Protein backbone atom coordinates (compact mmCIF):
# COMPACT_ATOMS: atom_id res chain seq x y z
CA MET A 1 -24.54 -25.12 69.47
CA LYS A 2 -27.14 -22.38 69.12
CA SER A 3 -30.00 -21.88 71.58
CA LYS A 4 -32.45 -19.01 71.96
CA MET A 5 -31.51 -19.06 75.63
CA TYR A 6 -28.21 -17.36 74.78
CA SER A 7 -29.33 -15.28 71.80
CA THR A 8 -33.00 -14.19 71.82
CA PHE A 9 -33.08 -14.19 75.65
CA ALA A 10 -29.49 -13.09 76.27
CA SER A 11 -30.45 -10.05 78.35
CA GLU A 12 -32.98 -12.00 80.39
CA TYR A 13 -30.38 -14.73 80.95
CA ASP A 14 -27.86 -12.13 82.14
CA GLU A 15 -30.32 -10.74 84.65
CA VAL A 16 -31.38 -14.12 86.02
CA ILE A 17 -27.89 -15.60 86.59
CA GLN A 18 -26.77 -12.74 88.81
CA ASP A 19 -28.46 -14.40 91.81
CA ASN A 20 -29.99 -17.72 90.80
CA ILE A 21 -29.41 -21.10 92.42
CA TYR A 22 -27.45 -23.06 89.80
CA ASN A 23 -25.14 -20.32 88.47
CA ALA A 24 -24.70 -17.85 91.34
CA HIS A 25 -24.92 -20.21 94.31
CA LEU A 26 -23.52 -23.49 92.99
CA GLU A 27 -21.41 -23.13 89.85
CA ARG A 28 -19.59 -19.85 90.38
CA PRO A 29 -18.55 -20.26 94.03
CA THR A 30 -17.21 -23.74 93.32
CA LEU A 31 -15.25 -22.85 90.17
CA GLN A 32 -13.92 -19.57 91.60
CA ALA A 33 -12.57 -21.41 94.62
CA MET A 34 -10.47 -23.56 92.24
CA LEU A 35 -8.84 -20.64 90.45
CA PRO A 36 -5.21 -19.66 91.10
CA ALA A 37 -4.29 -16.19 92.30
CA LEU A 38 -5.36 -13.93 89.43
CA ASN A 39 -3.02 -10.98 89.90
CA GLY A 40 -1.31 -10.09 86.60
CA LEU A 41 -2.69 -13.08 84.64
CA ASP A 42 -3.75 -13.15 81.01
CA VAL A 43 -7.05 -15.10 80.96
CA LEU A 44 -9.16 -16.71 78.28
CA ASP A 45 -12.89 -17.05 79.16
CA LEU A 46 -14.44 -19.65 76.88
CA GLY A 47 -18.20 -19.60 76.70
CA CYS A 48 -18.05 -16.22 78.44
CA GLY A 49 -21.80 -15.57 78.36
CA SER A 50 -22.73 -12.10 79.47
CA GLY A 51 -19.39 -11.38 81.16
CA VAL A 52 -20.11 -12.29 84.82
CA TYR A 53 -16.74 -14.08 85.05
CA ALA A 54 -14.89 -11.34 83.23
CA LYS A 55 -16.06 -8.89 85.89
CA TYR A 56 -14.93 -11.26 88.68
CA LEU A 57 -11.51 -11.81 87.08
CA LEU A 58 -10.79 -8.11 86.69
CA GLU A 59 -11.99 -7.37 90.22
CA HIS A 60 -9.37 -9.84 91.35
CA ASP A 61 -6.58 -8.13 89.37
CA ALA A 62 -6.34 -10.21 86.23
CA LYS A 63 -4.21 -8.31 83.71
CA HIS A 64 -6.33 -8.98 80.60
CA VAL A 65 -9.40 -11.08 79.77
CA THR A 66 -10.29 -12.41 76.32
CA CYS A 67 -13.92 -13.46 76.17
CA ILE A 68 -15.18 -15.86 73.49
CA ASP A 69 -18.72 -17.11 72.98
CA TYR A 70 -20.77 -18.67 70.17
CA SER A 71 -23.53 -16.09 70.72
CA GLU A 72 -23.10 -12.66 69.12
CA GLU A 73 -25.68 -11.32 71.58
CA MET A 74 -23.59 -12.39 74.57
CA VAL A 75 -20.49 -10.87 73.04
CA GLN A 76 -22.33 -7.59 72.57
CA LEU A 77 -23.31 -7.61 76.26
CA VAL A 78 -19.68 -8.16 77.33
CA THR A 79 -18.45 -5.38 75.01
CA SER A 80 -21.10 -2.98 76.21
CA LYS A 81 -20.29 -3.63 79.85
CA ALA A 82 -16.55 -3.18 79.22
CA GLN A 83 -17.20 0.13 77.44
CA ASN A 84 -19.47 1.38 80.24
CA ALA A 85 -16.84 0.49 82.84
CA GLU A 86 -14.05 1.99 80.72
CA LEU A 87 -12.26 -1.36 80.62
CA THR A 88 -11.84 -1.85 76.90
CA ASP A 89 -8.05 -1.91 77.37
CA LYS A 90 -8.45 -4.94 79.63
CA VAL A 91 -11.29 -6.85 77.96
CA ILE A 92 -11.84 -7.96 74.39
CA ALA A 93 -14.72 -10.19 73.28
CA TYR A 94 -15.51 -11.90 70.05
CA ALA A 95 -17.91 -14.56 68.72
CA GLN A 96 -16.70 -17.93 67.53
CA ASP A 97 -17.74 -21.57 67.42
CA LEU A 98 -15.48 -23.12 70.07
CA SER A 99 -15.96 -26.60 68.58
CA LYS A 100 -13.34 -25.43 66.05
CA GLY A 101 -10.78 -24.71 68.76
CA LEU A 102 -9.01 -21.36 69.22
CA PRO A 103 -7.61 -20.45 65.79
CA LYS A 104 -7.33 -16.71 66.60
CA GLU A 105 -5.30 -17.20 69.78
CA LYS A 106 -1.51 -17.29 69.72
CA ASP A 107 0.66 -20.07 71.13
CA ALA A 108 1.62 -19.67 74.80
CA SER A 109 -0.45 -16.49 75.20
CA ALA A 110 -2.54 -17.32 78.28
CA ASP A 111 -1.78 -18.03 81.91
CA LEU A 112 -5.29 -19.29 82.68
CA VAL A 113 -8.18 -20.63 80.63
CA ILE A 114 -11.62 -20.98 82.16
CA SER A 115 -14.80 -22.45 80.67
CA PRO A 116 -17.91 -22.31 82.89
CA LEU A 117 -20.71 -24.67 81.80
CA MET A 118 -19.89 -24.69 78.11
CA VAL A 119 -18.12 -27.87 76.99
CA HIS A 120 -21.32 -29.98 77.09
CA TYR A 121 -22.44 -28.06 74.00
CA LEU A 122 -19.49 -29.46 72.01
CA GLU A 123 -19.78 -32.80 70.28
CA ASP A 124 -16.01 -33.44 70.17
CA LEU A 125 -13.88 -32.01 72.94
CA ASN A 126 -10.52 -32.72 71.30
CA PRO A 127 -10.17 -29.67 68.99
CA LEU A 128 -10.77 -27.30 71.88
CA PHE A 129 -8.72 -29.14 74.47
CA SER A 130 -5.82 -29.45 72.06
CA ASP A 131 -5.85 -25.72 71.47
CA VAL A 132 -6.18 -24.98 75.20
CA ASN A 133 -2.88 -26.82 75.66
CA ARG A 134 -1.38 -24.87 72.77
CA VAL A 135 -2.35 -21.41 74.03
CA LEU A 136 -1.46 -22.04 77.65
CA ARG A 137 1.97 -21.03 78.91
CA ALA A 138 4.00 -23.67 80.73
CA GLY A 139 2.50 -24.10 84.20
CA GLY A 140 -0.76 -22.47 83.15
CA SER A 141 -4.12 -23.82 84.31
CA PHE A 142 -7.39 -24.82 82.64
CA VAL A 143 -10.39 -24.78 84.95
CA PHE A 144 -13.84 -25.71 83.68
CA SER A 145 -17.26 -26.91 84.78
CA THR A 146 -19.73 -29.06 82.92
CA HIS A 147 -22.78 -31.26 83.53
CA HIS A 148 -22.06 -34.12 85.88
CA PRO A 149 -22.16 -37.42 83.92
CA PHE A 150 -24.22 -39.00 86.75
CA ALA A 151 -26.84 -36.24 86.55
CA ASP A 152 -27.10 -36.37 82.76
CA PHE A 153 -27.44 -40.17 82.61
CA GLU A 154 -31.09 -39.84 83.59
CA CYS A 155 -31.59 -38.32 80.11
CA THR A 156 -30.22 -41.34 78.27
CA GLN A 157 -32.15 -42.89 75.42
CA SER A 158 -29.66 -45.68 74.74
CA GLY A 159 -29.18 -46.87 78.29
CA ASN A 160 -25.43 -46.98 77.60
CA TYR A 161 -23.54 -44.71 79.98
CA PHE A 162 -20.42 -44.81 77.80
CA GLU A 163 -22.23 -43.69 74.61
CA ARG A 164 -22.18 -39.97 73.87
CA GLU A 165 -25.75 -38.77 73.22
CA LEU A 166 -27.36 -35.52 72.06
CA VAL A 167 -29.96 -34.47 74.60
CA GLN A 168 -32.76 -31.98 74.03
CA GLU A 169 -34.61 -30.47 76.95
CA GLU A 170 -36.71 -27.45 77.86
CA TRP A 171 -35.30 -25.24 80.60
CA ASN A 172 -37.14 -22.53 82.50
CA THR A 173 -34.02 -20.53 83.38
CA VAL A 174 -35.36 -17.25 82.02
CA GLY A 175 -38.92 -17.69 83.31
CA LYS A 176 -40.29 -19.40 80.20
CA PRO A 177 -39.56 -22.77 78.56
CA VAL A 178 -36.66 -22.58 76.09
CA GLN A 179 -35.32 -25.64 74.23
CA VAL A 180 -31.65 -26.38 74.86
CA SER A 181 -29.55 -29.13 73.25
CA PHE A 182 -26.34 -30.57 74.75
CA TYR A 183 -24.19 -33.68 74.75
CA ARG A 184 -24.25 -36.29 77.50
CA ARG A 185 -20.94 -38.09 77.89
CA SER A 186 -19.06 -40.31 80.33
CA LEU A 187 -16.41 -39.16 82.75
CA THR A 188 -13.98 -41.41 80.95
CA GLU A 189 -14.51 -39.48 77.72
CA ILE A 190 -13.87 -36.17 79.48
CA MET A 191 -10.72 -37.48 81.22
CA ASN A 192 -9.34 -39.00 78.00
CA ALA A 193 -9.93 -35.77 76.05
CA LEU A 194 -7.81 -33.90 78.64
CA THR A 195 -4.95 -36.34 79.11
CA GLN A 196 -4.62 -37.20 75.42
CA ASN A 197 -4.14 -33.50 74.71
CA GLY A 198 -1.32 -33.05 77.21
CA LEU A 199 -3.25 -31.65 80.19
CA VAL A 200 -2.64 -33.02 83.68
CA ILE A 201 -5.63 -33.11 86.05
CA THR A 202 -4.76 -31.56 89.38
CA GLN A 203 -8.13 -31.12 91.06
CA LEU A 204 -11.71 -32.40 90.72
CA SER A 205 -14.84 -31.27 92.55
CA GLU A 206 -18.48 -32.19 92.32
CA GLY A 207 -19.60 -28.81 93.65
CA GLU A 208 -21.05 -27.55 96.90
CA VAL A 209 -24.28 -25.62 96.99
CA SER A 210 -24.27 -22.41 98.98
CA GLU A 211 -26.04 -22.20 102.33
CA LYS A 212 -27.96 -19.24 100.91
CA VAL A 213 -30.02 -21.65 98.85
CA LYS A 214 -31.70 -22.89 102.05
CA GLU A 215 -33.55 -19.59 102.17
CA MET A 216 -34.23 -19.46 98.43
CA ASP A 217 -35.61 -23.00 98.03
CA SER A 218 -35.17 -25.49 100.89
CA GLY A 219 -36.24 -28.45 98.75
CA ARG A 220 -33.73 -27.64 96.03
CA TYR A 221 -31.03 -27.12 98.68
CA GLU A 222 -31.77 -30.56 100.09
CA TYR A 223 -31.60 -32.16 96.64
CA LEU A 224 -28.36 -30.44 95.58
CA SER A 225 -26.73 -31.27 98.90
CA LYS A 226 -27.20 -34.97 98.16
CA ASN A 227 -27.01 -35.20 94.33
CA PRO A 228 -24.24 -33.95 92.05
CA ASN A 229 -25.34 -31.61 89.27
CA PHE A 230 -22.04 -30.26 87.88
CA ILE A 231 -18.47 -31.48 87.83
CA PHE A 232 -15.47 -29.13 88.08
CA ILE A 233 -12.02 -30.01 86.78
CA LYS A 234 -8.70 -28.19 87.06
CA CYS A 235 -5.75 -29.06 84.80
CA GLN A 236 -2.28 -27.84 84.27
CA LYS A 237 0.09 -27.63 81.30
CA LEU A 238 3.38 -28.86 82.62
CA ALA A 239 5.64 -28.03 79.67
């Protein structure tokens, strides 16, 4: 799903998320703590954004990272960073609508698939989750984060927690209001999309905000310490 946040303002977004509250001090530390040892792994980064995770994966000895994003502008940022760091042999990036799954990726070609804060932009999770199962090697892991269903329920128009809804909001992530659209869904829908596509859930977290946020915004730290904002799920392909 397109948004100017990730196209027109791609460079601004890249700069902001390096040290902001929600990405740098809540989402990334939580998801990174759930990852397996990365040494020698072939990794798919779905909804790669500007390549912050690709950098982390390679710094922790991943063998190769394939970065995929809907935004051409984000893919260009990843490619440029890889070229500047002389890492084009270890990183490739391309643009694709992930709602269509992973048609370019071979069967059993990845040890690890990650997807940070992307799946809430997909109306139907099944095509992607089915292909995640297909491209993972036996024993491989799928680790992703998304909006917490409890947090998103405040956006409901129907009043029905179990009804999937398209939500439109304005976010000030890049210092100016930008409209963003995403899907609100129940935890049951997320769990069913995983298990029905052969993925076994091995870990779930509701995130932990970093102590550093106390200094950045004490009120926001207090709120995030008591209210879930994201949910983090780790799965495994058993066979």
